[in-house]
């Protein structure tokens, strides 16, 4: 921010400063100054991040409509199995295996459209908040730019006034001396 102000001051005041009078006059339009200020501001890159974040949330909402599959597999080994004293009847096995597969499909989700609309509104709100902060940056550039123009115009007026006074003094001195 400080380097931006320094560059802006040099571009606008450069020719009015005594040490910069010998250098070429740098010019910077208001639009260029605003673009430079916004480009230097880290908050300007925030808009791209907000757009990507909103896109990812919208994709997540769209994926909720897809079916979900779940599988579970378990194995158990029983070290001690109770036996039944009845001949011909076997007790439980020492090794047991279980496997489950389940599928889940949402048939009707009445809130999906509303949640998608809310996400879009939140993304628009966040983008507007970033634009508002950048607008303040542009306003600061406007203040500096027009303040510099006013100072430059005042300097030109003072230079013309001093030149006029010097000319008046020169002519009145010449008339007094009889030249």
Foldseek 3Di string as FASTA:
>chain_A
DVVLLVVLCCQLCQCVDPVNVPPDRHHDDLVRSLVVLLVPDPLNCVLVVLVVVLVVVLVVLVCLQPKDKDKDKDKAAAPDWDADPDPPDGTDHRIDIDMDMDIDGDDDDPCSVVVNVVSVVVSVVVNVVSVVVSVVSSVVSVVSNVVSVVVVVVSVVVVVVVVVVVVVVVVVVCVVVPD
